[in-house]
């Protein structure tokens, strides 16, 4: 008579490498589902809105607004227009991919596709090619549609304009409609 070998036991089936891996994956997924049921809902932290700023700045004054000061305001300039990009500080603030533009005249960097702001006292961008000038203008239009205009970047020797509250709103709307 021939003897038949007994088939694999339940323990042998459960501890095979494939089944053991599947059991671990299923256990992990069950853990994640159960844990999600008992976690509290995340509370949305209200974003602090800074008061609108309306003034012309020199390059030296603009450098202060790189997101590292106590109010974390982030400004940058494109084609002589200063924008408040604080809402986009995850991009333009400290640690962001475009942090090099914060507090600077970003015209040359945006026009040439180089992530670097200007470190000059005043960057005369008259040496840009027509394609680069066009690219800078497109960036200015994008910023105008998305961010608040603060004022103008002053050339050496220029004086700042004084803006009233009404003039501030009117100029911002005029610039956005252009």
Foldseek 3Di string as FASTA:
>chain_A
DDDDDDDDDPVVVCPDPVNVVVVVVVVVVVVVVVVVVPDDDDDDDDDDDDDAAAKEEFLVRLQVQLQPDPVRWWWAAFPFWIWTCSVVCCQCHPPHVLSQRTSAHCLQCQLVVHSHGDPDRDDDPPPDDPSSVVRSVVVVLVRLQPTFIHYGHDDPPDDMDDADPVRSVVVSVVVNVD
